[in-house]
Amino acid sequence: MSGLNRSFNFLRTTLRPHIIPKVNVSAKPAKHPLTAGEQAIGMLAMFTVILVPSGWILAHLEDYKKR
């Protein structure tokens, strides 16, 4: 009987909705707002980090097929 209770407790905890804490959202403006230049540099860095390796692989796809 205790094994049955343990299995029901396990099922009850898995089916219970999990409480997720809210993120600390602030309605205040940023302490140090980013300039357009800083935003452009950040976006350029992100696109470079993602697109350059992908482009390298696509440009050398035939070399990878031969291996």
PDB file of N, CA and C in Angstrom:
ATOM      1  N   MET A   1       0.825  -1.199   0.000  1.00  0.00           N
ATOM      2  CA  MET A   1       0.000   0.000   0.000  1.00  0.00           C
ATOM      3  C   MET A   1       0.863   1.254   0.000  1.00  0.00           C
ATOM      4  N   SER A   2       2.003   1.198   0.726  1.00  0.00           N
ATOM      5  CA  SER A   2       2.848   2.394   0.773  1.00  0.00           C
ATOM      6  C   SER A   2       3.467   2.673  -0.594  1.00  0.00           C
ATOM      7  N   GLY A   3       3.756   1.623  -1.373  1.00  0.00           N
ATOM      8  CA  GLY A   3       4.276   1.826  -2.726  1.00  0.00           C
ATOM      9  C   GLY A   3       3.256   2.512  -3.611  1.00  0.00           C
ATOM     10  N   LEU A   4       2.001   2.166  -3.413  1.00  0.00           N
ATOM     11  CA  LEU A   4       0.924   2.788  -4.174  1.00  0.00           C
ATOM     12  C   LEU A   4       0.797   4.263  -3.808  1.00  0.00           C
ATOM     13  N   ASN A   5       0.918   4.566  -2.512  1.00  0.00           N
ATOM     14  CA  ASN A   5       0.861   5.962  -2.078  1.00  0.00           C
ATOM     15  C   ASN A   5       2.025   6.758  -2.649  1.00  0.00           C
ATOM     16  N   ARG A   6       3.223   6.139  -2.662  1.00  0.00           N
ATOM     17  CA  ARG A   6       4.382   6.842  -3.217  1.00  0.00           C
ATOM     18  C   ARG A   6       4.185   7.140  -4.697  1.00  0.00           C
ATOM     19  N   SER A   7       3.626   6.185  -5.431  1.00  0.00           N
ATOM     20  CA  SER A   7       3.413   6.415  -6.860  1.00  0.00           C
ATOM     21  C   SER A   7       2.361   7.504  -7.079  1.00  0.00           C
ATOM     22  N   PHE A   8       1.315   7.525  -6.253  1.00  0.00           N
ATOM     23  CA  PHE A   8       0.323   8.593  -6.376  1.00  0.00           C
ATOM     24  C   PHE A   8       0.928   9.952  -6.028  1.00  0.00           C
ATOM     25  N   ASN A   9       1.775   9.996  -5.006  1.00  0.00           N
ATOM     26  CA  ASN A   9       2.442  11.252  -4.657  1.00  0.00           C
ATOM     27  C   ASN A   9       3.338  11.720  -5.794  1.00  0.00           C
ATOM     28  N   PHE A  10       4.037  10.787  -6.429  1.00  0.00           N
ATOM     29  CA  PHE A  10       4.892  11.143  -7.556  1.00  0.00           C
ATOM     30  C   PHE A  10       4.068  11.708  -8.707  1.00  0.00           C
ATOM     31  N   LEU A  11       2.952  11.042  -9.015  1.00  0.00           N
ATOM     32  CA  LEU A  11       2.094  11.532 -10.092  1.00  0.00           C
ATOM     33  C   LEU A  11       1.476  12.879  -9.749  1.00  0.00           C
ATOM     34  N   ARG A  12       1.111  13.057  -8.493  1.00  0.00           N
ATOM     35  CA  ARG A  12       0.498  14.310  -8.074  1.00  0.00           C
ATOM     36  C   ARG A  12       1.490  15.463  -8.224  1.00  0.00           C
ATOM     37  N   THR A  13       2.755  15.237  -7.865  1.00  0.00           N
ATOM     38  CA  THR A  13       3.745  16.316  -7.967  1.00  0.00           C
ATOM     39  C   THR A  13       4.098  16.606  -9.416  1.00  0.00           C
ATOM     40  N   THR A  14       4.075  15.591 -10.284  1.00  0.00           N
ATOM     41  CA  THR A  14       4.395  15.854 -11.685  1.00  0.00           C
ATOM     42  C   THR A  14       3.251  16.544 -12.410  1.00  0.00           C
ATOM     43  N   LEU A  15       2.022  16.283 -12.013  1.00  0.00           N
ATOM     44  CA  LEU A  15       0.880  16.897 -12.685  1.00  0.00           C
ATOM     45  C   LEU A  15       0.524  18.270 -12.123  1.00  0.00           C
ATOM     46  N   ARG A  16       1.044  18.596 -10.955  1.00  0.00           N
ATOM     47  CA  ARG A  16       0.752  19.885 -10.334  1.00  0.00           C
ATOM     48  C   ARG A  16       1.444  20.993 -11.137  1.00  0.00           C
ATOM     49  N   PRO A  17       0.758  22.086 -11.395  1.00  0.00           N
ATOM     50  CA  PRO A  17       1.415  23.173 -12.129  1.00  0.00           C
ATOM     51  C   PRO A  17       2.566  23.749 -11.306  1.00  0.00           C
ATOM     52  N   HIS A  18       3.694  23.919 -11.968  1.00  0.00           N
ATOM     53  CA  HIS A  18       4.874  24.430 -11.286  1.00  0.00           C
ATOM     54  C   HIS A  18       4.787  25.945 -11.163  1.00  0.00           C
ATOM     55  N   ILE A  19       5.181  26.445 -10.043  1.00  0.00           N
ATOM     56  CA  ILE A  19       5.168  27.882  -9.804  1.00  0.00           C
ATOM     57  C   ILE A  19       6.481  28.452 -10.313  1.00  0.00           C
ATOM     58  N   ILE A  20       6.383  29.362 -11.254  1.00  0.00           N
ATOM     59  CA  ILE A  20       7.564  29.989 -11.824  1.00  0.00           C
ATOM     60  C   ILE A  20       7.611  31.419 -11.307  1.00  0.00           C
ATOM     61  N   PRO A  21       8.704  31.803 -10.655  1.00  0.00           N
ATOM     62  CA  PRO A  21       8.774  33.169 -10.139  1.00  0.00           C
ATOM     63  C   PRO A  21       8.842  34.178 -11.283  1.00  0.00           C
ATOM     64  N   LYS A  22       8.225  35.317 -11.043  1.00  0.00           N
ATOM     65  CA  LYS A  22       8.245  36.370 -12.047  1.00  0.00           C
ATOM     66  C   LYS A  22       9.629  37.004 -12.095  1.00  0.00           C
ATOM     67  N   VAL A  23       9.994  37.463 -13.261  1.00  0.00           N
ATOM     68  CA  VAL A  23      11.267  38.141 -13.437  1.00  0.00           C
ATOM     69  C   VAL A  23      11.132  39.543 -12.853  1.00  0.00           C
ATOM     70  N   ASN A  24      12.201  40.041 -12.313  1.00  0.00           N
ATOM     71  CA  ASN A  24      12.172  41.396 -11.767  1.00  0.00           C
ATOM     72  C   ASN A  24      12.097  42.397 -12.915  1.00  0.00           C
ATOM     73  N   VAL A  25      10.899  42.810 -13.244  1.00  0.00           N
ATOM     74  CA  VAL A  25      10.681  43.757 -14.318  1.00  0.00           C
ATOM     75  C   VAL A  25      10.585  45.143 -13.709  1.00  0.00           C
ATOM     76  N   SER A  26      11.306  46.058 -14.291  1.00  0.00           N
ATOM     77  CA  SER A  26      11.305  47.416 -13.777  1.00  0.00           C
ATOM     78  C   SER A  26      10.725  48.349 -14.828  1.00  0.00           C
ATOM     79  N   ALA A  27       9.899  49.262 -14.409  1.00  0.00           N
ATOM     80  CA  ALA A  27       9.302  50.226 -15.320  1.00  0.00           C
ATOM     81  C   ALA A  27      10.154  51.486 -15.426  1.00  0.00           C
ATOM     82  N   LYS A  28      11.269  51.501 -14.715  1.00  0.00           N
ATOM     83  CA  LYS A  28      12.131  52.677 -14.738  1.00  0.00           C
ATOM     84  C   LYS A  28      12.978  52.685 -16.005  1.00  0.00           C
ATOM     85  N   PRO A  29      13.386  53.851 -16.467  1.00  0.00           N
ATOM     86  CA  PRO A  29      14.299  53.897 -17.612  1.00  0.00           C
ATOM     87  C   PRO A  29      15.685  53.391 -17.208  1.00  0.00           C
ATOM     88  N   ALA A  30      16.475  53.048 -18.195  1.00  0.00           N
ATOM     89  CA  ALA A  30      17.816  52.524 -17.936  1.00  0.00           C
ATOM     90  C   ALA A  30      18.680  53.590 -17.269  1.00  0.00           C
ATOM     91  N   LYS A  31      19.589  53.134 -16.404  1.00  0.00           N
ATOM     92  CA  LYS A  31      20.491  54.079 -15.738  1.00  0.00           C
ATOM     93  C   LYS A  31      21.457  54.699 -16.735  1.00  0.00           C
ATOM     94  N   HIS A  32      21.889  53.899 -17.702  1.00  0.00           N
ATOM     95  CA  HIS A  32      22.827  54.381 -18.718  1.00  0.00           C
ATOM     96  C   HIS A  32      22.272  53.983 -20.086  1.00  0.00           C
ATOM     97  N   PRO A  33      21.496  54.860 -20.722  1.00  0.00           N
ATOM     98  CA  PRO A  33      20.919  54.501 -22.019  1.00  0.00           C
ATOM     99  C   PRO A  33      22.009  54.334 -23.083  1.00  0.00           C
ATOM    100  N   LEU A  34      21.812  53.369 -23.967  1.00  0.00           N
ATOM    101  CA  LEU A  34      22.777  53.108 -25.028  1.00  0.00           C
ATOM    102  C   LEU A  34      22.555  54.075 -26.179  1.00  0.00           C
ATOM    103  N   THR A  35      23.646  54.537 -26.726  1.00  0.00           N
ATOM    104  CA  THR A  35      23.554  55.409 -27.893  1.00  0.00           C
ATOM    105  C   THR A  35      23.320  54.554 -29.130  1.00  0.00           C
ATOM    106  N   ALA A  36      22.987  55.213 -30.229  1.00  0.00           N
ATOM    107  CA  ALA A  36      22.750  54.484 -31.478  1.00  0.00           C
ATOM    108  C   ALA A  36      24.027  53.800 -31.950  1.00  0.00           C
ATOM    109  N   GLY A  37      25.168  54.429 -31.729  1.00  0.00           N
ATOM    110  CA  GLY A  37      26.440  53.822 -32.121  1.00  0.00           C
ATOM    111  C   GLY A  37      26.738  52.559 -31.338  1.00  0.00           C
ATOM    112  N   GLU A  38      26.476  52.588 -30.034  1.00  0.00           N
ATOM    113  CA  GLU A  38      26.699  51.399 -29.200  1.00  0.00           C
ATOM    114  C   GLU A  38      25.761  50.264 -29.610  1.00  0.00           C
ATOM    115  N   GLN A  39      24.526  50.609 -29.929  1.00  0.00           N
ATOM    116  CA  GLN A  39      23.578  49.592 -30.376  1.00  0.00           C
ATOM    117  C   GLN A  39      24.014  48.998 -31.710  1.00  0.00           C
ATOM    118  N   ALA A  40      24.501  49.851 -32.614  1.00  0.00           N
ATOM    119  CA  ALA A  40      24.949  49.369 -33.922  1.00  0.00           C
ATOM    120  C   ALA A  40      26.150  48.437 -33.775  1.00  0.00           C
ATOM    121  N   ILE A  41      27.084  48.784 -32.902  1.00  0.00           N
ATOM    122  CA  ILE A  41      28.256  47.931 -32.679  1.00  0.00           C
ATOM    123  C   ILE A  41      27.829  46.590 -32.093  1.00  0.00           C
ATOM    124  N   GLY A  42      26.919  46.602 -31.156  1.00  0.00           N
ATOM    125  CA  GLY A  42      26.427  45.360 -30.569  1.00  0.00           C
ATOM    126  C   GLY A  42      25.725  44.480 -31.587  1.00  0.00           C
ATOM    127  N   MET A  43      24.877  45.078 -32.414  1.00  0.00           N
ATOM    128  CA  MET A  43      24.173  44.303 -33.439  1.00  0.00           C
ATOM    129  C   MET A  43      25.149  43.745 -34.470  1.00  0.00           C
ATOM    130  N   LEU A  44      26.131  44.547 -34.868  1.00  0.00           N
ATOM    131  CA  LEU A  44      27.138  44.094 -35.827  1.00  0.00           C
ATOM    132  C   LEU A  44      27.928  42.918 -35.256  1.00  0.00           C
ATOM    133  N   ALA A  45      28.282  43.006 -33.991  1.00  0.00           N
ATOM    134  CA  ALA A  45      29.022  41.913 -33.356  1.00  0.00           C
ATOM    135  C   ALA A  45      28.177  40.640 -33.314  1.00  0.00           C
ATOM    136  N   MET A  46      26.904  40.758 -32.971  1.00  0.00           N
ATOM    137  CA  MET A  46      26.039  39.576 -32.904  1.00  0.00           C
ATOM    138  C   MET A  46      25.865  38.933 -34.281  1.00  0.00           C
ATOM    139  N   PHE A  47      25.606  39.743 -35.296  1.00  0.00           N
ATOM    140  CA  PHE A  47      25.445  39.195 -36.637  1.00  0.00           C
ATOM    141  C   PHE A  47      26.739  38.557 -37.128  1.00  0.00           C
ATOM    142  N   THR A  48      27.886  39.176 -36.817  1.00  0.00           N
ATOM    143  CA  THR A  48      29.174  38.626 -37.233  1.00  0.00           C
ATOM    144  C   THR A  48      29.425  37.279 -36.578  1.00  0.00           C
ATOM    145  N   VAL A  49      29.161  37.196 -35.287  1.00  0.00           N
ATOM    146  CA  VAL A  49      29.404  35.949 -34.553  1.00  0.00           C
ATOM    147  C   VAL A  49      28.526  34.822 -35.089  1.00  0.00           C
ATOM    148  N   ILE A  50      27.328  35.141 -35.532  1.00  0.00           N
ATOM    149  CA  ILE A  50      26.415  34.100 -36.004  1.00  0.00           C
ATOM    150  C   ILE A  50      26.619  33.798 -37.488  1.00  0.00           C
ATOM    151  N   LEU A  51      26.777  34.824 -38.319  1.00  0.00           N
ATOM    152  CA  LEU A  51      26.770  34.616 -39.759  1.00  0.00           C
ATOM    153  C   LEU A  51      28.111  34.208 -40.348  1.00  0.00           C
ATOM    154  N   VAL A  52      29.229  34.644 -39.787  1.00  0.00           N
ATOM    155  CA  VAL A  52      30.531  34.309 -40.372  1.00  0.00           C
ATOM    156  C   VAL A  52      30.791  32.800 -40.324  1.00  0.00           C
ATOM    157  N   PRO A  53      30.621  32.118 -39.192  1.00  0.00           N
ATOM    158  CA  PRO A  53      30.839  30.662 -39.220  1.00  0.00           C
ATOM    159  C   PRO A  53      29.862  29.927 -40.145  1.00  0.00           C
ATOM    160  N   SER A  54      28.624  30.383 -40.194  1.00  0.00           N
ATOM    161  CA  SER A  54      27.646  29.751 -41.084  1.00  0.00           C
ATOM    162  C   SER A  54      28.039  29.952 -42.540  1.00  0.00           C
ATOM    163  N   GLY A  55      28.474  31.146 -42.876  1.00  0.00           N
ATOM    164  CA  GLY A  55      28.916  31.427 -44.239  1.00  0.00           C
ATOM    165  C   GLY A  55      30.140  30.620 -44.615  1.00  0.00           C
ATOM    166  N   TRP A  56      31.061  30.450 -43.677  1.00  0.00           N
ATOM    167  CA  TRP A  56      32.263  29.656 -43.926  1.00  0.00           C
ATOM    168  C   TRP A  56      31.881  28.210 -44.250  1.00  0.00           C
ATOM    169  N   ILE A  57      30.982  27.657 -43.482  1.00  0.00           N
ATOM    170  CA  ILE A  57      30.565  26.271 -43.712  1.00  0.00           C
ATOM    171  C   ILE A  57      29.863  26.147 -45.057  1.00  0.00           C
ATOM    172  N   LEU A  58      28.984  27.082 -45.380  1.00  0.00           N
ATOM    173  CA  LEU A  58      28.279  27.010 -46.657  1.00  0.00           C
ATOM    174  C   LEU A  58      29.217  27.215 -47.837  1.00  0.00           C
ATOM    175  N   ALA A  59      30.226  28.070 -47.688  1.00  0.00           N
ATOM    176  CA  ALA A  59      31.173  28.311 -48.772  1.00  0.00           C
ATOM    177  C   ALA A  59      32.068  27.101 -49.009  1.00  0.00           C
ATOM    178  N   HIS A  60      32.346  26.323 -47.986  1.00  0.00           N
ATOM    179  CA  HIS A  60      33.232  25.164 -48.099  1.00  0.00           C
ATOM    180  C   HIS A  60      32.465  23.846 -48.007  1.00  0.00           C
ATOM    181  N   LEU A  61      31.206  23.865 -48.376  1.00  0.00           N
ATOM    182  CA  LEU A  61      30.366  22.678 -48.256  1.00  0.00           C
ATOM    183  C   LEU A  61      30.865  21.539 -49.139  1.00  0.00           C
ATOM    184  N   GLU A  62      31.338  21.861 -50.333  1.00  0.00           N
ATOM    185  CA  GLU A  62      31.854  20.822 -51.233  1.00  0.00           C
ATOM    186  C   GLU A  62      33.089  20.157 -50.644  1.00  0.00           C
ATOM    187  N   ASP A  63      33.927  20.931 -49.960  1.00  0.00           N
ATOM    188  CA  ASP A  63      35.108  20.348 -49.315  1.00  0.00           C
ATOM    189  C   ASP A  63      34.699  19.381 -48.213  1.00  0.00           C
ATOM    190  N   TYR A  64      33.656  19.727 -47.479  1.00  0.00           N
ATOM    191  CA  TYR A  64      33.196  18.857 -46.402  1.00  0.00           C
ATOM    192  C   TYR A  64      32.553  17.583 -46.953  1.00  0.00           C
ATOM    193  N   LYS A  65      31.926  17.671 -48.135  1.00  0.00           N
ATOM    194  CA  LYS A  65      31.306  16.491 -48.733  1.00  0.00           C
ATOM    195  C   LYS A  65      32.353  15.478 -49.185  1.00  0.00           C
ATOM    196  N   LYS A  66      33.523  15.964 -49.607  1.00  0.00           N
ATOM    197  CA  LYS A  66      34.575  15.078 -50.109  1.00  0.00           C
ATOM    198  C   LYS A  66      35.221  14.273 -48.996  1.00  0.00           C
ATOM    199  N   ARG A  67      35.154  14.729 -47.771  1.00  0.00           N
ATOM    200  CA  ARG A  67      35.817  14.032 -46.663  1.00  0.00           C
ATOM    201  C   ARG A  67      35.118  12.779 -46.291  1.00  0.00           C
TER     202      ARG A  67
END
